[in-house]
N, C-alpha and C. Protein backbone atom coordinates (compact mmCIF):
# COMPACT_ATOMS: atom_id res chain seq x y z
N UNK A 1 100.54 79.63 124.85
CA UNK A 1 100.87 78.77 124.15
C UNK A 1 101.61 77.93 123.13
N UNK A 2 102.87 77.56 123.19
CA UNK A 2 103.28 77.33 121.80
C UNK A 2 102.86 76.61 120.42
N UNK A 3 103.47 77.15 119.81
CA UNK A 3 103.01 76.88 118.13
C UNK A 3 104.56 76.58 117.79
N UNK A 4 104.48 74.81 117.36
CA UNK A 4 105.59 74.63 116.92
C UNK A 4 106.00 75.09 115.21
N UNK A 5 107.28 75.55 115.03
CA UNK A 5 107.49 76.07 113.92
C UNK A 5 107.22 77.56 113.73
N UNK A 6 106.76 77.98 114.35
CA UNK A 6 106.27 79.51 113.96
C UNK A 6 107.15 80.28 114.46
N UNK A 7 108.74 79.94 114.89
CA UNK A 7 109.70 80.55 114.58
C UNK A 7 110.98 79.98 113.95
N UNK A 8 110.88 78.59 113.32
CA UNK A 8 111.64 78.29 112.42
C UNK A 8 112.13 79.29 111.05
N UNK A 9 112.86 79.20 110.66
CA UNK A 9 113.27 80.45 109.39
C UNK A 9 112.78 79.91 108.10
N UNK A 10 112.08 80.64 107.39
CA UNK A 10 111.48 80.36 106.37
C UNK A 10 112.19 80.14 105.36
N UNK A 11 112.75 78.66 104.84
CA UNK A 11 113.44 78.29 103.43
C UNK A 11 112.60 78.43 101.80
N UNK A 12 113.22 78.61 100.81
CA UNK A 12 112.63 78.87 99.67
C UNK A 12 113.28 77.39 99.31
N UNK A 13 112.13 76.13 99.17
CA UNK A 13 112.59 75.30 98.17
C UNK A 13 112.33 75.37 96.63
N UNK A 14 111.94 76.29 96.01
CA UNK A 14 111.62 75.82 94.50
C UNK A 14 110.71 78.20 94.56
N UNK A 15 111.08 78.50 93.35
CA UNK A 15 110.56 79.70 92.69
C UNK A 15 110.50 79.68 91.37
N UNK A 16 108.95 80.05 90.92
CA UNK A 16 109.17 80.26 89.67
C UNK A 16 108.72 81.57 89.42
N UNK A 17 107.92 82.01 87.99
CA UNK A 17 107.53 83.28 88.15
C UNK A 17 105.93 83.92 88.80
N UNK A 18 105.45 82.62 89.14
CA UNK A 18 104.23 83.00 89.54
C UNK A 18 104.02 82.18 91.48
N UNK A 19 104.81 81.54 91.68
CA UNK A 19 104.86 80.41 92.80
C UNK A 19 105.84 80.09 93.29
N UNK A 20 105.85 80.04 94.73
CA UNK A 20 106.85 79.93 95.57
C UNK A 20 106.66 79.13 96.39
N UNK A 21 107.86 78.10 96.70
CA UNK A 21 107.49 76.67 97.32
C UNK A 21 108.39 76.83 99.01
N UNK A 22 108.25 76.79 99.59
CA UNK A 22 108.32 77.22 101.03
C UNK A 22 108.49 75.80 102.50
N UNK A 23 109.39 76.17 102.66
CA UNK A 23 109.51 75.07 104.28
C UNK A 23 109.74 76.16 105.44
N UNK A 24 109.41 75.77 106.28
CA UNK A 24 109.32 76.67 107.42
C UNK A 24 109.08 75.23 108.56
N UNK A 25 110.60 74.59 109.24
CA UNK A 25 110.45 73.40 109.73
C UNK A 25 109.52 72.38 109.58
N UNK A 26 109.03 71.89 109.83
CA UNK A 26 108.48 70.98 108.90
C UNK A 26 107.11 71.15 108.37
N UNK A 27 106.75 71.94 108.36
CA UNK A 27 105.54 72.62 107.10
C UNK A 27 106.05 72.96 105.38
N UNK A 28 105.43 72.40 104.88
CA UNK A 28 105.84 72.97 103.36
C UNK A 28 104.05 73.19 102.73
N UNK A 29 104.80 74.82 101.89
CA UNK A 29 103.29 75.39 101.50
C UNK A 29 103.49 75.87 100.57
N UNK A 30 102.88 77.03 100.21
CA UNK A 30 102.97 77.55 98.72
C UNK A 30 102.47 78.73 98.79
N UNK A 31 103.34 80.15 98.12
CA UNK A 31 102.88 81.28 98.28
C UNK A 31 102.66 81.70 96.59
N UNK A 32 102.56 83.02 96.56
CA UNK A 32 102.14 83.34 95.09
C UNK A 32 103.58 84.09 95.32
N UNK A 33 104.40 84.26 94.09
CA UNK A 33 105.46 85.17 94.14
C UNK A 33 105.35 86.98 94.14
N UNK A 34 105.88 87.77 94.70
CA UNK A 34 106.19 88.85 94.94
C UNK A 34 104.48 89.56 95.60
N UNK A 35 103.76 88.71 96.46
CA UNK A 35 103.11 88.76 97.17
C UNK A 35 101.73 89.14 96.47
N UNK A 36 101.47 88.56 95.51
CA UNK A 36 100.53 89.02 94.71
C UNK A 36 98.85 88.13 95.31
N UNK A 37 97.95 89.29 95.53
CA UNK A 37 96.54 88.48 95.95
C UNK A 37 95.42 88.25 95.09
N UNK A 38 94.36 88.04 95.29
CA UNK A 38 93.18 88.14 94.43
C UNK A 38 91.97 88.53 94.42
N UNK A 39 91.50 89.42 93.32
CA UNK A 39 90.30 89.84 93.95
C UNK A 39 89.27 88.79 93.21
N UNK A 40 87.99 88.23 93.73
CA UNK A 40 87.41 88.00 93.86
C UNK A 40 85.74 88.34 93.84
N UNK A 41 84.71 87.93 92.72
CA UNK A 41 83.82 89.37 92.69
C UNK A 41 82.73 88.45 92.58
N UNK A 42 81.92 88.87 93.42
CA UNK A 42 80.43 88.67 93.68
C UNK A 42 79.43 89.38 92.63
N UNK A 43 78.79 89.16 91.44
CA UNK A 43 77.89 89.80 90.64
C UNK A 43 77.01 88.98 90.55
N UNK A 44 75.87 89.73 90.92
CA UNK A 44 74.39 89.51 90.63
C UNK A 44 73.63 90.64 90.29
N UNK A 45 72.95 90.26 89.32
CA UNK A 45 72.12 91.73 88.64
C UNK A 45 70.95 92.01 89.40
N UNK A 46 70.41 92.94 88.55
CA UNK A 46 68.89 93.55 88.98
C UNK A 46 67.82 92.48 88.82
N UNK A 47 68.31 91.70 88.24
CA UNK A 47 67.58 90.30 88.00
C UNK A 47 67.35 89.10 88.83
N UNK A 48 68.41 89.19 90.07
CA UNK A 48 68.58 88.41 90.93
C UNK A 48 69.15 87.47 89.95
N UNK A 49 70.23 87.14 89.04
CA UNK A 49 71.22 86.51 88.02
C UNK A 49 72.58 86.67 88.29
N UNK A 50 72.96 85.51 88.64
CA UNK A 50 74.69 85.15 89.16
C UNK A 50 75.40 84.97 87.66
N UNK A 51 76.44 85.82 88.03
CA UNK A 51 77.67 85.84 87.01
C UNK A 51 78.42 84.98 87.16
N UNK A 52 78.81 83.66 86.85
CA UNK A 52 79.48 82.73 86.93
C UNK A 52 80.56 82.65 86.04
N UNK A 53 81.58 82.13 85.49
CA UNK A 53 82.56 81.76 84.72
C UNK A 53 83.37 80.16 85.13
N UNK A 54 83.50 79.12 83.82
CA UNK A 54 84.12 78.39 83.52
C UNK A 54 85.43 78.50 82.48
N UNK A 55 86.47 77.59 82.91
CA UNK A 55 87.74 77.96 82.55
C UNK A 55 88.84 76.72 82.89
N UNK A 56 89.27 76.49 81.57
CA UNK A 56 90.30 75.16 81.99
C UNK A 56 91.24 75.66 83.16
N UNK A 57 91.78 74.68 83.98
CA UNK A 57 92.45 74.77 85.36
C UNK A 57 93.44 73.58 85.07
N UNK A 58 94.92 74.14 84.45
CA UNK A 58 95.93 72.77 84.73
C UNK A 58 96.31 71.96 85.49
N UNK A 59 96.11 72.60 86.85
CA UNK A 59 96.39 71.81 88.05
C UNK A 59 95.12 70.79 88.60
N UNK A 60 94.14 71.22 87.72
CA UNK A 60 93.00 70.04 88.27
C UNK A 60 92.43 69.35 86.87
N UNK A 61 93.37 69.52 85.90
CA UNK A 61 93.00 69.36 84.71
C UNK A 61 91.65 68.41 83.73
N UNK A 62 91.13 70.33 84.00
CA UNK A 62 89.73 70.39 83.87
C UNK A 62 88.68 71.30 83.69
N UNK A 63 87.80 71.62 83.31
CA UNK A 63 86.98 72.89 83.60
C UNK A 63 86.99 73.63 84.89
N UNK A 64 86.46 74.44 85.43
CA UNK A 64 86.20 74.41 87.31
C UNK A 64 85.22 76.04 86.93
N UNK A 65 83.80 75.53 87.60
CA UNK A 65 83.35 76.75 88.02
C UNK A 65 83.39 77.53 88.54
N UNK A 66 83.59 78.74 88.69
CA UNK A 66 83.86 79.85 89.27
C UNK A 66 83.05 80.91 89.79
N UNK A 67 83.63 82.17 90.48
CA UNK A 67 83.15 83.51 90.51
C UNK A 67 84.23 83.79 89.67
N UNK A 68 84.18 84.88 89.42
CA UNK A 68 84.93 85.98 87.97
C UNK A 68 85.95 86.08 89.09
N UNK A 69 87.45 86.13 88.95
CA UNK A 69 87.87 86.86 89.75
C UNK A 69 89.50 87.23 88.79
N UNK A 70 90.55 87.63 89.71
CA UNK A 70 91.74 88.10 88.47
C UNK A 70 92.47 88.72 89.78
N UNK A 71 93.75 88.73 89.44
CA UNK A 71 95.01 88.93 90.15
C UNK A 71 95.40 90.42 90.67
N UNK A 72 95.49 90.53 91.68
CA UNK A 72 95.96 92.71 92.16
C UNK A 72 97.61 92.38 91.51
N UNK A 73 97.75 92.77 91.63
CA UNK A 73 98.97 93.62 91.29
C UNK A 73 100.26 92.74 90.16
N UNK A 74 99.25 91.53 89.50
CA UNK A 74 100.12 91.09 88.77
C UNK A 74 100.55 91.55 87.29
N UNK A 75 100.22 92.58 87.20
CA UNK A 75 100.67 93.30 85.74
C UNK A 75 100.47 95.12 86.17
N UNK A 76 99.98 95.21 87.10
CA UNK A 76 100.13 96.81 87.07
C UNK A 76 100.28 97.31 88.69
N UNK A 77 101.65 97.84 88.85
CA UNK A 77 101.89 98.15 90.47
C UNK A 77 100.86 99.40 91.17
N UNK A 78 100.59 98.95 91.92
CA UNK A 78 99.77 99.85 93.07
C UNK A 78 98.01 99.69 92.31
N UNK A 79 98.08 98.40 91.88
CA UNK A 79 96.70 98.08 91.71
C UNK A 79 95.66 97.75 92.77
N UNK A 80 94.81 98.03 93.08
CA UNK A 80 93.96 97.61 94.17
C UNK A 80 92.54 96.08 93.93
N UNK A 81 92.19 96.06 94.97
CA UNK A 81 91.41 94.60 94.58
C UNK A 81 90.04 95.39 94.06
N UNK A 82 89.55 96.52 93.95
CA UNK A 82 88.46 97.04 93.29
C UNK A 82 88.90 97.14 91.97
N UNK A 83 89.99 97.78 91.20
CA UNK A 83 90.03 98.58 90.33
C UNK A 83 90.70 97.05 89.40
N UNK A 84 91.29 95.80 89.91
CA UNK A 84 91.16 94.51 89.53
C UNK A 84 89.50 94.00 88.67
N UNK A 85 89.02 94.23 90.60
CA UNK A 85 87.55 93.98 90.37
C UNK A 85 86.64 94.22 88.89
N UNK A 86 86.76 95.66 88.68
CA UNK A 86 86.30 96.11 87.75
C UNK A 86 86.81 95.53 86.34
N UNK A 87 88.14 95.69 86.29
CA UNK A 87 88.61 95.42 85.11
C UNK A 87 88.58 93.72 84.48
N UNK A 88 88.68 93.00 85.50
CA UNK A 88 88.69 91.48 85.68
C UNK A 88 86.81 91.17 85.50
N UNK A 89 86.01 91.90 85.64
CA UNK A 89 84.87 91.50 85.55
C UNK A 89 84.53 91.54 84.26
N UNK A 90 84.94 93.23 83.60
CA UNK A 90 84.47 93.30 82.44
C UNK A 90 85.21 91.89 81.33
N UNK A 91 86.68 92.28 81.72
CA UNK A 91 87.18 91.19 80.28
C UNK A 91 86.74 89.81 80.66
N UNK A 92 86.16 89.26 81.81
CA UNK A 92 85.82 87.70 81.93
C UNK A 92 84.17 87.68 81.61
N UNK A 93 83.51 88.10 81.98
CA UNK A 93 81.96 87.99 81.61
C UNK A 93 81.40 89.34 80.51
N UNK A 94 82.12 90.12 80.33
CA UNK A 94 81.31 91.19 79.44
C UNK A 94 80.56 92.35 80.28
N UNK A 95 80.53 92.22 81.90
CA UNK A 95 79.37 92.92 82.42
C UNK A 95 80.66 94.32 83.05
N UNK A 96 80.21 95.90 83.48
CA UNK A 96 80.86 96.74 83.76
C UNK A 96 80.11 96.60 85.02
N UNK A 97 80.95 97.19 85.99
CA UNK A 97 79.83 97.25 87.32
C UNK A 97 80.43 99.00 87.66
N UNK A 98 79.24 99.02 87.92
CA UNK A 98 79.15 100.59 88.44
C UNK A 98 79.78 101.26 89.79
N UNK A 99 80.03 100.37 90.75
CA UNK A 99 80.26 100.17 92.13
C UNK A 99 80.61 98.86 92.58
N UNK A 100 82.26 98.90 93.34
CA UNK A 100 82.65 98.14 94.17
C UNK A 100 82.59 97.89 94.70
N UNK A 101 82.08 97.24 96.25
CA UNK A 101 82.22 97.00 97.77
C UNK A 101 82.48 95.90 98.28
N UNK A 102 83.68 96.18 98.94
CA UNK A 102 84.76 95.13 99.61
C UNK A 102 83.79 94.62 100.56
N UNK A 103 83.78 93.12 100.46
CA UNK A 103 83.17 92.49 101.91
C UNK A 103 84.19 91.64 102.80
N UNK A 104 85.29 91.39 102.51
CA UNK A 104 86.39 91.32 103.51
C UNK A 104 87.64 90.37 102.68
N UNK A 105 88.63 89.74 103.54
CA UNK A 105 90.14 89.65 102.61
C UNK A 105 89.73 88.50 103.77
N UNK A 106 89.72 87.16 102.48
CA UNK A 106 89.94 85.69 103.07
C UNK A 106 90.73 84.63 102.78
N UNK A 107 91.13 83.49 103.21
CA UNK A 107 92.43 82.83 102.23
C UNK A 107 91.18 81.36 102.11
N UNK A 108 91.94 80.93 101.17
CA UNK A 108 91.30 79.83 100.38
C UNK A 108 91.50 78.58 101.16
N UNK A 109 92.71 78.20 100.91
CA UNK A 109 93.25 76.91 101.82
C UNK A 109 94.33 77.17 102.86
N UNK A 110 94.53 77.13 104.23
CA UNK A 110 95.18 78.04 104.66
C UNK A 110 96.23 76.56 105.24
N UNK A 111 95.75 75.68 105.12
CA UNK A 111 96.88 74.57 105.45
C UNK A 111 97.71 74.76 104.39
N UNK A 112 97.29 74.91 103.21
CA UNK A 112 98.48 74.40 102.11
C UNK A 112 99.17 75.66 101.65
N UNK A 113 97.97 76.86 101.57
CA UNK A 113 98.77 78.32 100.79
C UNK A 113 98.47 79.13 101.05
N UNK A 114 99.25 80.28 101.26
CA UNK A 114 99.31 81.75 101.83
C UNK A 114 98.38 82.84 101.05
N UNK A 115 98.06 81.98 99.80
CA UNK A 115 97.34 83.23 99.29
C UNK A 115 95.56 83.64 99.82
N UNK A 116 95.32 84.54 99.75
CA UNK A 116 94.58 84.96 100.17
C UNK A 116 93.40 85.96 99.22
N UNK A 117 92.10 86.19 99.31
CA UNK A 117 91.79 87.15 98.12
C UNK A 117 90.64 88.03 99.03
N UNK A 118 90.13 89.24 97.92
CA UNK A 118 89.48 89.76 98.87
C UNK A 118 88.51 89.49 97.59
N UNK A 119 87.10 89.64 98.59
CA UNK A 119 85.92 88.78 98.23
C UNK A 119 84.98 90.83 98.01
N UNK A 120 84.75 90.79 96.40
CA UNK A 120 83.86 91.92 96.23
C UNK A 120 82.22 91.97 96.19
N UNK A 121 81.63 92.58 96.08
CA UNK A 121 80.34 92.75 95.40
C UNK A 121 80.37 93.76 94.22
N UNK A 122 80.02 92.74 93.10
CA UNK A 122 79.78 94.19 92.38
C UNK A 122 78.09 94.63 92.00
N UNK A 123 78.30 96.11 91.96
CA UNK A 123 76.76 97.01 91.83
C UNK A 123 76.82 97.69 90.61
N UNK A 124 75.56 97.64 90.06
CA UNK A 124 75.27 98.42 89.01
C UNK A 124 75.66 97.78 87.73
N UNK A 125 75.27 96.39 87.42
CA UNK A 125 75.86 95.85 86.28
C UNK A 125 75.30 96.36 84.79
N UNK A 126 76.19 96.33 83.84
CA UNK A 126 75.70 96.82 82.70
C UNK A 126 76.29 95.84 81.75
N UNK A 127 75.97 95.23 80.91
CA UNK A 127 76.31 94.23 79.78
C UNK A 127 76.94 95.33 78.86
N UNK A 128 78.45 94.88 78.57
CA UNK A 128 78.86 95.76 77.42
C UNK A 128 79.66 94.98 76.44
N UNK A 129 80.11 93.88 76.32
CA UNK A 129 80.65 92.92 75.90
C UNK A 129 80.38 91.58 76.16
N UNK A 130 80.75 91.11 75.11
CA UNK A 130 80.71 89.29 75.30
C UNK A 130 81.50 88.45 76.18
N UNK A 131 83.02 89.04 76.80
CA UNK A 131 83.64 88.70 78.01
C UNK A 131 84.29 87.43 77.38
N UNK A 132 84.58 86.40 78.08
CA UNK A 132 85.24 85.14 77.48
C UNK A 132 87.00 85.31 77.85
N UNK A 133 87.67 86.75 78.51
CA UNK A 133 88.71 86.66 78.84
C UNK A 133 89.49 87.48 77.68
N UNK A 134 90.75 87.56 78.02
CA UNK A 134 91.88 87.79 77.13
C UNK A 134 92.57 87.13 76.24
N UNK A 135 93.58 87.35 75.18
CA UNK A 135 93.94 86.19 74.61
C UNK A 135 93.84 84.87 74.87
N UNK A 136 94.53 84.20 75.62
CA UNK A 136 94.93 82.80 75.31
C UNK A 136 93.82 82.13 76.57
N UNK A 137 93.04 83.15 77.28
CA UNK A 137 92.14 82.33 77.74
C UNK A 137 90.72 81.95 77.25
N UNK A 138 90.28 81.02 77.54
CA UNK A 138 89.10 79.99 77.12
C UNK A 138 88.43 80.32 78.30
N UNK A 139 87.05 81.59 78.39
CA UNK A 139 86.24 81.33 79.69
C UNK A 139 84.78 81.22 78.78
N UNK A 140 83.84 80.80 79.59
CA UNK A 140 82.65 80.46 79.35
C UNK A 140 82.11 81.58 80.31
N UNK A 141 80.56 81.99 80.23
CA UNK A 141 79.96 82.66 80.74
C UNK A 141 79.07 82.20 80.81
N UNK A 142 78.23 82.62 82.78
CA UNK A 142 77.02 81.38 82.58
C UNK A 142 76.16 82.85 83.77
N UNK A 143 74.91 83.27 83.28
CA UNK A 143 74.67 83.71 83.97
C UNK A 143 73.34 83.21 84.80
N UNK A 144 73.17 82.94 86.07
CA UNK A 144 72.15 82.13 86.14
C UNK A 144 71.52 82.39 87.51
N UNK A 145 69.94 81.98 87.23
CA UNK A 145 69.13 82.83 88.54
C UNK A 145 69.47 82.03 89.81
N UNK A 146 69.71 83.11 90.95
CA UNK A 146 70.21 82.62 92.10
C UNK A 146 69.11 81.35 92.82
N UNK A 147 68.20 81.47 92.50
CA UNK A 147 67.34 80.70 92.29
C UNK A 147 67.28 79.12 92.35
N UNK A 148 68.19 79.02 91.36
CA UNK A 148 68.47 77.84 90.56
C UNK A 148 69.80 77.45 90.53
N UNK A 149 70.67 77.70 91.46
CA UNK A 149 72.02 77.54 91.40
C UNK A 149 72.69 76.52 92.19
N UNK A 150 71.42 75.56 93.32
CA UNK A 150 71.83 74.53 93.42
C UNK A 150 72.13 73.42 92.30
N UNK A 151 70.92 73.42 91.56
CA UNK A 151 70.98 72.68 90.18
C UNK A 151 71.91 72.64 89.47
N UNK A 152 71.99 74.15 89.24
CA UNK A 152 73.03 74.80 87.99
C UNK A 152 74.35 74.07 88.34
N UNK A 153 74.82 73.81 89.30
CA UNK A 153 75.84 73.23 90.07
C UNK A 153 76.02 71.82 90.23
N UNK A 154 75.28 71.09 90.18
CA UNK A 154 74.96 69.87 90.48
C UNK A 154 74.58 69.45 88.88
N UNK A 155 74.11 69.96 87.88
CA UNK A 155 74.63 69.51 86.94
C UNK A 155 75.59 69.78 86.20
N UNK A 156 76.30 71.07 86.17
CA UNK A 156 78.22 71.04 85.83
C UNK A 156 79.00 70.42 86.70
N UNK A 157 78.45 69.53 87.46
CA UNK A 157 79.10 68.93 87.92
C UNK A 157 78.83 67.27 87.39
N UNK A 158 77.74 67.00 87.20
CA UNK A 158 77.68 66.23 86.49
C UNK A 158 78.34 66.04 85.00
N UNK A 159 78.27 66.86 84.31
CA UNK A 159 79.05 66.88 83.40
C UNK A 159 80.79 67.25 83.48
N UNK A 160 81.37 67.01 84.98
CA UNK A 160 82.78 66.70 85.20
C UNK A 160 83.64 68.26 85.28
N UNK A 161 82.83 69.15 85.72
CA UNK A 161 83.37 70.41 86.05
C UNK A 161 84.04 70.65 87.17
N UNK A 162 85.21 70.89 87.72
CA UNK A 162 85.34 70.93 89.15
C UNK A 162 84.56 71.95 89.50
N UNK A 163 84.90 72.34 90.83
CA UNK A 163 83.89 73.03 91.32
C UNK A 163 84.97 74.26 92.14
N UNK A 164 85.14 75.30 92.25
CA UNK A 164 85.67 75.99 93.27
C UNK A 164 84.91 76.13 94.32
N UNK A 165 85.91 76.54 95.98
CA UNK A 165 85.26 76.45 97.04
C UNK A 165 84.71 77.31 96.67
N UNK A 166 85.04 78.89 96.45
CA UNK A 166 84.07 79.95 96.61
C UNK A 166 82.75 80.03 96.51
N UNK A 167 82.35 78.58 95.71
CA UNK A 167 80.93 78.44 94.80
C UNK A 167 79.68 78.31 96.51
N UNK A 168 80.67 77.97 97.63
CA UNK A 168 80.27 77.45 98.80
C UNK A 168 79.00 78.94 98.87
N UNK A 169 79.84 79.88 98.74
CA UNK A 169 79.05 80.88 99.24
C UNK A 169 77.63 81.33 98.45
N UNK A 170 77.03 80.77 97.42
CA UNK A 170 76.10 80.58 96.83
C UNK A 170 75.31 79.57 97.56
N UNK A 171 75.30 78.36 97.79
CA UNK A 171 74.97 77.08 98.14
C UNK A 171 74.60 77.58 99.35
N UNK A 172 74.99 78.23 100.36
CA UNK A 172 75.45 77.69 101.44
C UNK A 172 73.86 77.74 102.44
N UNK A 173 72.99 78.84 101.31
CA UNK A 173 71.97 79.14 102.23
C UNK A 173 70.66 78.02 101.72
N UNK A 174 70.76 77.55 100.65
CA UNK A 174 69.96 75.94 100.07
C UNK A 174 70.44 74.67 101.43
N UNK A 175 71.74 74.99 101.62
CA UNK A 175 72.58 73.53 102.43
C UNK A 175 72.31 73.64 104.14
N UNK A 176 71.77 75.11 104.44
CA UNK A 176 71.99 75.03 105.66
C UNK A 176 70.56 75.53 105.75
N UNK A 177 69.63 75.31 105.05
CA UNK A 177 68.08 75.87 105.44
C UNK A 177 67.53 74.69 106.30
């Protein structure tokens, strides 16, 4: 079976510091510059509470509820998803993980962007600071009982927050039951 445009040359339409807009045949899509990927952290403590963050996202024009995450290799060459996850979890939420378990590599919107992320599970959580991010980040930390996640997400949606697609991981149980 032939895939149209699969062999067409890739043209760069525009490139910035972080994003590259590309054209391949009739397709237009976006990539992160320099092959940067992300680490997304599923952090559930021993009391069955999941750590979530919300922050303003310029492309959406509003705050977005998300799992903690960070870019791999944006500041440190040779960085790994595991090292990024440990660092970003602490910066964003104030919790340090004793151990990181890699769950797999996923693509968030494969018809539009090449970006992918490594999903990890944080184990052995210990609160070491208030979190909230660094520098200009304005991150709000939420510690939510898994048993109340569906209601919490609905309440935040009603407040006008956007929802990151990765929250489906936490909502699937209620929706598929």
